[in-house]
Amino acid sequence: MHVLLTTHRLDPAAGGLPVAVVGLADALDEAGVGVRIAAPPTPEPVLPTRPGVTVDLVEGGGWGRYLADVRADLVHDNGLWVPLHHAVARAAGRRAWPRLVSVHGMLAPQARRHHGLRKRVAWGLRQRRDLDTAGALHVVTEGEAADVCGLGLRPPVVVVPNGVGLPALAPRAARDGPRRALYLGRLHPIKGGDVLIEAWAAARREGHLEGWVLDVAGPDEGGFRAVLERAVAAAGLGDTVRFLGPLAGEAKEKTLAAADVLVLPSRTESFGLAAAEALARGVPAVATGPWAHLPAEGAGWWVPPGPDAPADALAAALRAVAAASDDERRAMGLRGRAFVERAYAWPTVAAHMAAVYRWLLGDAPPADVQACPPGGAPVVW
């Protein structure tokens, strides 16, 4: 089985999408599945892969010939809205490739409203038709499946979560300096950084975050970092909030190792890879989106998401973080690590995805794969 993974971004500045694609490719390669990735080149270096994973960086004018010639049994396309994905859909039709499309949260209502006019036009011109001709649509949570099923699309929907690597846990030394909260992700309105600044200011005014600092790490999108920096200055938080820019590799690992809690305040989130990465490293999380099970797992705090993302609920969670002792937060992080290992380890996720591929190729069909019925639920792997 030879799988072609396609995506429109493969550089770290694109956030969780390239991390998920590369992580899946590496895990499939380790499991013995032939895999290659194709993406456009970017000014920044692309994420590294295992030696067995081929990465083809294809210039815009070369995609037609590339897709006509590349060897693959099926194509797994990652992302929406960009013309590249339309080219992949057309090539899959010409070459009779089974095609799986991972939507990566891009059909959530809040995501559809961002640049809404442009997306409505694209939906009518090609995006809906391209999705309807896919063999299946892949989502990472049942909540995301509900968003997709609500659009009345034809293909079956399969739910396979994103995976996460499990690095060796380093001993967490006793803190002798400030405690650190970490935001890790794109600086974009949909990620809720403005809500975090508002909540941080409210909790500080109440005296609950003495001895705490907030690190904001991630690439700027559309100048939103300047919006956040102005909010920090207006609230008088310059001594407790610092902007680290985009992080990858060793710098990212060191920042996660120094964090006492990860805060993911997204207005909408299909998965929230940053939360999974933090938990995998023994760092508890405050998260929105699909992480409502964090309190039950004893691994963190959950804040209901929403387009208006009220800051008071997030401020309450920050107060609870500060009220917990260092030992309590460490214990939460360890429980989070155990949970991630059970639910999101890459070998498990890759095995599930390989089963989806075999089903699309007509081998070993899994049970109960179905299209979204009215009011019904999609298949969950």
Protein backbone atom coordinates (compact mmCIF):
# COMPACT_ATOMS: atom_id res chain seq x y z
CA MET A 1 0.00 0.00 0.00
CA HIS A 2 1.45 3.35 -1.10
CA VAL A 3 -0.22 6.43 0.39
CA LEU A 4 0.20 9.99 -0.86
CA LEU A 5 -0.41 12.63 1.81
CA THR A 6 -1.08 16.07 0.34
CA THR A 7 -1.36 19.39 2.15
CA HIS A 8 -1.02 23.10 1.39
CA ARG A 9 1.39 23.85 4.25
CA LEU A 10 4.27 21.87 5.70
CA ASP A 11 6.14 24.54 7.67
CA PRO A 12 5.88 25.02 11.45
CA ALA A 13 4.24 28.45 11.06
CA ALA A 14 1.06 26.73 9.85
CA GLY A 15 0.29 25.42 13.33
CA GLY A 16 -1.10 21.97 14.00
CA LEU A 17 -1.91 20.85 10.45
CA PRO A 18 1.66 20.11 9.27
CA VAL A 19 2.52 18.61 12.67
CA ALA A 20 -0.40 16.20 12.29
CA VAL A 21 0.51 15.32 8.70
CA VAL A 22 4.18 14.68 9.46
CA GLY A 23 3.35 12.77 12.65
CA LEU A 24 0.98 10.50 10.74
CA ALA A 25 3.49 9.97 7.93
CA ASP A 26 6.22 9.00 10.39
CA ALA A 27 3.92 6.62 12.27
CA LEU A 28 2.70 4.99 9.04
CA ASP A 29 6.29 4.54 7.88
CA GLU A 30 7.21 2.96 11.19
CA ALA A 31 4.25 0.58 10.76
CA GLY A 32 5.48 -0.48 7.32
CA VAL A 33 3.11 1.54 5.13
CA GLY A 34 4.67 3.19 2.08
CA VAL A 35 4.08 6.94 2.43
CA ARG A 36 5.14 10.18 0.80
CA ILE A 37 4.12 13.77 1.43
CA ALA A 38 3.55 16.41 -1.25
CA ALA A 39 3.22 20.11 -0.45
CA PRO A 40 4.20 23.47 -1.94
CA PRO A 41 7.58 24.89 -0.92
CA THR A 42 7.66 27.64 1.70
CA PRO A 43 10.26 30.24 2.66
CA GLU A 44 10.69 28.48 6.00
CA PRO A 45 12.14 24.96 6.29
CA VAL A 46 9.55 22.20 6.38
CA LEU A 47 9.13 19.92 9.37
CA PRO A 48 11.60 17.02 9.38
CA THR A 49 10.43 13.45 8.80
CA ARG A 50 11.75 9.94 9.28
CA PRO A 51 14.25 8.81 6.60
CA GLY A 52 11.67 6.44 5.10
CA VAL A 53 9.18 9.24 4.35
CA THR A 54 9.64 10.94 0.98
CA VAL A 55 8.78 14.65 0.91
CA ASP A 56 8.11 16.26 -2.47
CA LEU A 57 7.95 20.07 -2.56
CA VAL A 58 6.06 20.95 -5.72
CA GLU A 59 5.94 24.41 -7.24
CA GLY A 60 2.52 25.76 -8.19
CA GLY A 61 2.88 25.18 -11.92
CA GLY A 62 4.16 21.65 -11.48
CA TRP A 63 1.23 20.08 -9.66
CA GLY A 64 -0.55 18.84 -12.79
CA ARG A 65 2.42 16.82 -14.02
CA TYR A 66 3.34 15.69 -10.50
CA LEU A 67 -0.11 14.32 -9.75
CA ALA A 68 -0.24 12.63 -13.15
CA ASP A 69 3.04 10.79 -12.57
CA VAL A 70 3.42 10.11 -8.84
CA ARG A 71 3.02 6.52 -7.67
CA ALA A 72 0.20 6.01 -5.17
CA ASP A 73 -2.62 3.61 -4.40
CA LEU A 74 -4.69 6.28 -2.68
CA VAL A 75 -4.46 9.94 -1.74
CA HIS A 76 -5.10 11.38 1.71
CA ASP A 77 -5.67 15.11 1.27
CA ASN A 78 -5.32 17.40 4.29
CA GLY A 79 -7.09 20.74 4.33
CA LEU A 80 -9.72 22.72 2.44
CA TRP A 81 -10.37 25.99 0.59
CA VAL A 82 -6.97 26.27 -1.13
CA PRO A 83 -6.86 25.64 -4.94
CA LEU A 84 -4.30 22.87 -4.42
CA HIS A 85 -7.00 20.66 -2.87
CA HIS A 86 -9.19 21.13 -5.94
CA ALA A 87 -6.26 19.98 -8.10
CA VAL A 88 -5.87 16.90 -5.90
CA ALA A 89 -9.60 16.11 -6.20
CA ARG A 90 -9.44 16.34 -9.99
CA ALA A 91 -6.31 14.21 -10.20
CA ALA A 92 -7.86 11.56 -7.94
CA GLY A 93 -10.82 11.36 -10.30
CA ARG A 94 -8.61 11.01 -13.38
CA ARG A 95 -6.42 8.35 -11.78
CA ALA A 96 -9.25 6.51 -10.01
CA TRP A 97 -7.52 6.99 -6.67
CA PRO A 98 -9.61 6.47 -3.54
CA ARG A 99 -9.46 9.82 -1.75
CA LEU A 100 -9.72 10.52 1.97
CA VAL A 101 -10.10 14.19 2.97
CA SER A 102 -9.11 15.33 6.47
CA VAL A 103 -10.98 18.57 7.14
CA HIS A 104 -8.84 19.66 10.13
CA GLY A 105 -11.55 21.75 11.77
CA MET A 106 -12.07 23.89 8.66
CA LEU A 107 -15.80 23.12 8.46
CA ALA A 108 -16.60 24.26 12.00
CA PRO A 109 -19.12 27.13 12.00
CA GLN A 110 -16.64 29.64 13.41
CA ALA A 111 -14.01 28.59 10.88
CA ARG A 112 -16.49 28.91 8.00
CA ARG A 113 -17.40 32.42 9.13
CA HIS A 114 -13.77 33.57 8.98
CA HIS A 115 -13.42 35.12 5.49
CA GLY A 116 -17.02 33.94 5.16
CA LEU A 117 -17.88 35.56 1.81
CA ARG A 118 -14.80 34.09 0.14
CA LYS A 119 -15.60 30.63 1.52
CA ARG A 120 -19.27 30.79 0.51
CA VAL A 121 -18.18 31.52 -3.05
CA ALA A 122 -15.62 28.70 -2.99
CA TRP A 123 -18.23 26.33 -1.51
CA GLY A 124 -20.61 27.00 -4.39
CA LEU A 125 -17.96 26.87 -7.10
CA ARG A 126 -15.99 23.77 -6.13
CA GLN A 127 -15.48 22.95 -2.45
CA ARG A 128 -18.77 21.14 -1.83
CA ARG A 129 -18.48 19.19 -5.07
CA ASP A 130 -14.89 18.21 -4.26
CA LEU A 131 -15.94 16.93 -0.83
CA ASP A 132 -18.91 15.02 -2.27
CA THR A 133 -16.61 13.11 -4.63
CA ALA A 134 -14.27 11.95 -1.84
CA GLY A 135 -14.33 8.34 -0.74
CA ALA A 136 -14.64 9.43 2.90
CA LEU A 137 -14.19 12.47 5.12
CA HIS A 138 -11.93 12.26 8.16
CA VAL A 139 -12.53 14.19 11.38
CA VAL A 140 -10.78 13.94 14.73
CA THR A 141 -13.69 14.19 17.21
CA GLU A 142 -17.37 13.39 17.33
CA GLY A 143 -18.09 17.11 17.75
CA GLU A 144 -16.31 17.84 14.49
CA ALA A 145 -18.24 14.98 12.88
CA ALA A 146 -21.48 16.69 13.88
CA ASP A 147 -20.35 19.86 12.10
CA VAL A 148 -19.61 17.88 8.95
CA CYS A 149 -22.76 15.78 9.10
CA GLY A 150 -24.83 18.94 9.47
CA LEU A 151 -23.73 20.08 6.02
CA GLY A 152 -25.48 17.21 4.28
CA LEU A 153 -22.41 15.90 2.50
CA ARG A 154 -22.54 12.52 0.77
CA PRO A 155 -19.37 10.62 1.80
CA PRO A 156 -19.04 8.53 4.95
CA VAL A 157 -17.41 10.24 7.90
CA VAL A 158 -14.79 8.46 9.99
CA VAL A 159 -13.49 9.68 13.33
CA VAL A 160 -9.81 9.03 14.05
CA PRO A 161 -8.11 11.35 16.54
CA ASN A 162 -4.85 13.12 15.92
CA GLY A 163 -1.85 11.38 17.36
CA VAL A 164 0.86 12.70 19.62
CA GLY A 165 4.43 11.65 20.29
CA LEU A 166 5.39 10.46 23.75
CA PRO A 167 8.85 11.75 24.65
CA ALA A 168 10.61 10.48 27.73
CA LEU A 169 9.50 12.44 30.77
CA ALA A 170 12.25 14.50 32.33
CA PRO A 171 12.12 15.02 36.10
CA ARG A 172 10.38 18.29 36.89
CA ALA A 173 12.56 20.23 39.30
CA ALA A 174 11.12 22.20 42.19
CA ARG A 175 10.28 25.73 41.11
CA ASP A 176 12.40 28.50 42.61
CA GLY A 177 11.20 31.25 40.28
CA PRO A 178 7.91 32.39 38.78
CA ARG A 179 5.33 29.82 37.73
CA ARG A 180 4.70 29.80 34.00
CA ALA A 181 1.49 29.53 32.02
CA LEU A 182 2.05 28.84 28.32
CA TYR A 183 -0.07 29.66 25.28
CA LEU A 184 1.22 27.68 22.28
CA GLY A 185 -0.37 28.14 18.87
CA ARG A 186 -1.04 30.51 16.02
CA LEU A 187 -1.69 34.13 16.96
CA HIS A 188 -5.05 34.37 15.25
CA PRO A 189 -8.48 35.63 16.41
CA ILE A 190 -9.99 32.14 16.28
CA LYS A 191 -7.40 30.92 18.82
CA GLY A 192 -8.67 33.28 21.52
CA GLY A 193 -5.43 34.97 22.56
CA ASP A 194 -7.35 38.21 23.17
CA VAL A 195 -9.66 36.39 25.56
CA LEU A 196 -6.65 34.98 27.40
CA ILE A 197 -5.17 38.46 27.87
CA GLU A 198 -8.50 39.72 29.21
CA ALA A 199 -8.84 36.76 31.58
CA TRP A 200 -5.22 37.07 32.72
CA ALA A 201 -5.76 40.75 33.52
CA ALA A 202 -8.94 39.99 35.48
CA ALA A 203 -7.31 37.25 37.55
CA ARG A 204 -4.29 39.49 38.21
CA ARG A 205 -6.50 42.35 39.44
CA GLU A 206 -8.06 39.95 41.92
CA GLY A 207 -4.62 38.98 43.24
CA HIS A 208 -4.76 35.35 42.07
CA LEU A 209 -1.71 35.25 39.79
CA GLU A 210 1.00 36.70 41.97
CA GLY A 211 4.25 34.99 41.09
CA TRP A 212 2.97 33.85 37.68
CA VAL A 213 4.02 34.86 34.16
CA LEU A 214 2.38 34.12 30.82
CA ASP A 215 4.46 33.03 27.82
CA VAL A 216 2.75 33.49 24.44
CA ALA A 217 4.41 31.35 21.77
CA GLY A 218 3.43 30.93 18.15
CA PRO A 219 3.56 32.45 14.67
CA ASP A 220 1.74 35.70 13.93
CA GLU A 221 -1.10 35.56 11.42
CA GLY A 222 -2.44 38.70 9.82
CA GLY A 223 -0.84 41.04 12.34
CA PHE A 224 -2.79 39.69 15.32
CA ARG A 225 0.29 39.75 17.51
CA ALA A 226 0.18 43.55 17.42
CA VAL A 227 -3.44 43.42 18.62
CA LEU A 228 -2.41 41.24 21.55
CA GLU A 229 0.59 43.41 22.39
CA ARG A 230 -1.66 46.48 22.53
CA ALA A 231 -4.04 44.64 24.84
CA VAL A 232 -1.14 43.67 27.12
CA ALA A 233 0.07 47.28 27.24
CA ALA A 234 -3.42 48.67 27.86
CA ALA A 235 -3.91 46.28 30.78
CA GLY A 236 -0.51 47.08 32.27
CA LEU A 237 0.65 43.46 31.93
CA GLY A 238 4.02 44.09 30.34
CA ASP A 239 5.89 42.68 33.34
CA THR A 240 4.00 39.37 33.34
CA VAL A 241 3.38 38.60 29.65
CA ARG A 242 6.09 37.94 27.08
CA PHE A 243 5.87 37.02 23.40
CA LEU A 244 8.27 34.29 22.30
CA GLY A 245 7.48 34.06 18.59
CA PRO A 246 7.19 30.73 16.73
CA LEU A 247 8.85 27.74 18.37
CA ALA A 248 9.98 24.40 17.02
CA GLY A 249 12.41 21.64 17.89
CA GLU A 250 14.58 22.09 20.96
CA ALA A 251 13.28 25.59 21.70
CA LYS A 252 9.71 24.28 21.82
CA GLU A 253 10.70 21.36 24.04
CA LYS A 254 12.50 23.63 26.50
CA THR A 255 9.52 25.97 26.68
CA LEU A 256 7.12 23.10 27.35
CA ALA A 257 9.48 21.72 29.99
CA ALA A 258 9.46 25.09 31.76
CA ALA A 259 5.66 25.41 31.74
CA ASP A 260 3.47 24.73 34.78
CA VAL A 261 0.27 24.75 32.74
CA LEU A 262 -0.74 25.01 29.07
CA VAL A 263 -3.64 27.34 28.23
CA LEU A 264 -5.60 26.73 25.01
CA PRO A 265 -8.41 29.34 24.83
CA SER A 266 -9.64 28.72 21.25
CA ARG A 267 -13.05 29.98 20.20
CA THR A 268 -13.40 26.81 18.15
CA GLU A 269 -11.05 23.83 18.02
CA SER A 270 -11.30 20.53 16.18
CA PHE A 271 -8.69 18.84 18.36
CA GLY A 272 -6.19 21.18 20.02
CA LEU A 273 -2.84 19.52 19.36
CA ALA A 274 -1.03 21.87 21.75
CA ALA A 275 -3.03 20.47 24.66
CA ALA A 276 -2.15 16.90 23.69
CA GLU A 277 1.53 17.80 23.31
CA ALA A 278 1.60 19.43 26.75
CA LEU A 279 -0.15 16.50 28.43
CA ALA A 280 2.26 14.09 26.74
CA ARG A 281 5.05 15.95 28.52
CA GLY A 282 3.36 15.87 31.91
CA VAL A 283 2.04 19.45 31.80
CA PRO A 284 -1.63 19.93 32.81
CA ALA A 285 -3.86 21.99 30.54
CA VAL A 286 -6.64 24.54 30.56
CA ALA A 287 -8.46 23.96 27.27
CA THR A 288 -11.65 24.56 25.34
CA GLY A 289 -13.05 22.54 22.46
CA PRO A 290 -13.01 18.74 22.64
CA TRP A 291 -11.13 18.58 25.96
CA ALA A 292 -14.21 18.45 28.22
CA HIS A 293 -12.90 15.17 29.68
CA LEU A 294 -9.87 16.87 31.27
CA PRO A 295 -11.51 17.33 34.70
CA ALA A 296 -12.77 13.74 34.75
CA GLU A 297 -9.26 12.52 33.91
CA GLY A 298 -7.86 14.74 36.67
CA ALA A 299 -5.53 16.29 34.09
CA GLY A 300 -6.67 19.90 33.88
CA TRP A 301 -9.54 22.35 33.49
CA TRP A 302 -12.10 22.76 30.72
CA VAL A 303 -13.61 26.05 29.55
CA PRO A 304 -16.69 25.99 27.28
CA PRO A 305 -15.77 27.43 23.88
CA GLY A 306 -17.90 29.76 21.82
CA PRO A 307 -17.74 32.55 19.26
CA ASP A 308 -17.90 35.19 21.98
CA ALA A 309 -15.58 33.22 24.33
CA PRO A 310 -16.40 34.96 27.64
CA ALA A 311 -13.26 35.72 29.60
CA ASP A 312 -14.84 35.18 33.04
CA ALA A 313 -14.91 31.37 32.67
CA LEU A 314 -11.27 31.35 31.60
CA ALA A 315 -10.35 33.68 34.48
CA ALA A 316 -12.03 31.25 36.90
CA ALA A 317 -9.92 28.41 35.49
CA LEU A 318 -6.76 30.49 35.88
CA ARG A 319 -7.67 31.16 39.51
CA ALA A 320 -8.00 27.41 40.04
CA VAL A 321 -4.62 26.82 38.40
CA ALA A 322 -2.95 29.32 40.72
CA ALA A 323 -4.72 27.89 43.77
CA ALA A 324 -3.37 24.38 43.11
CA SER A 325 -0.01 23.47 44.62
CA ASP A 326 3.03 22.55 42.53
CA ASP A 327 2.60 18.92 43.58
CA GLU A 328 -1.07 18.93 42.59
CA ARG A 329 -0.29 20.34 39.16
CA ARG A 330 2.51 17.81 38.65
CA ALA A 331 0.15 14.97 39.56
CA MET A 332 -2.41 16.31 37.09
CA GLY A 333 0.25 16.38 34.39
CA LEU A 334 1.19 12.76 35.03
CA ARG A 335 -2.45 11.70 34.82
CA GLY A 336 -2.69 13.62 31.55
CA ARG A 337 0.35 11.79 30.21
CA ALA A 338 -1.24 8.43 31.05
CA PHE A 339 -4.48 9.47 29.35
CA VAL A 340 -2.72 10.62 26.17
CA GLU A 341 -0.74 7.39 26.06
CA ARG A 342 -3.99 5.39 26.17
CA ALA A 343 -5.95 7.47 23.68
CA TYR A 344 -3.61 9.31 21.29
CA ALA A 345 -0.28 7.44 20.94
CA TRP A 346 0.79 7.50 17.30
CA PRO A 347 1.09 3.72 16.82
CA THR A 348 -2.58 3.30 17.78
CA VAL A 349 -3.72 6.19 15.61
CA ALA A 350 -1.67 5.00 12.62
CA ALA A 351 -3.17 1.51 12.90
CA HIS A 352 -6.66 2.99 12.83
CA MET A 353 -5.82 5.15 9.82
CA ALA A 354 -4.27 2.22 7.96
CA ALA A 355 -7.54 0.32 8.51
CA VAL A 356 -9.41 3.23 6.90
CA TYR A 357 -7.05 3.10 3.93
CA ARG A 358 -7.57 -0.65 3.50
CA TRP A 359 -11.32 -0.12 3.59
CA LEU A 360 -11.09 2.56 0.91
CA LEU A 361 -9.04 0.17 -1.23
CA GLY A 362 -11.68 -2.53 -0.83
CA ASP A 363 -9.80 -4.74 1.62
CA ALA A 364 -10.97 -5.84 5.06
CA PRO A 365 -13.94 -3.46 5.35
CA PRO A 366 -14.48 -2.27 8.92
CA ALA A 367 -17.94 -2.61 10.40
CA ASP A 368 -20.58 0.10 10.53
CA VAL A 369 -19.08 2.69 8.19
CA GLN A 370 -22.00 4.79 7.04
CA ALA A 371 -22.96 8.13 5.63
CA CYS A 372 -24.30 10.66 8.10
CA PRO A 373 -28.04 9.98 8.44
CA PRO A 374 -30.34 12.81 9.48
CA GLY A 375 -29.77 13.22 13.20
CA GLY A 376 -27.52 10.18 13.26
CA ALA A 377 -23.95 9.64 14.32
CA PRO A 378 -20.91 8.86 12.15
CA VAL A 379 -18.74 5.84 12.61
CA VAL A 380 -16.17 6.23 15.38
CA TRP A 381 -12.91 4.28 15.23
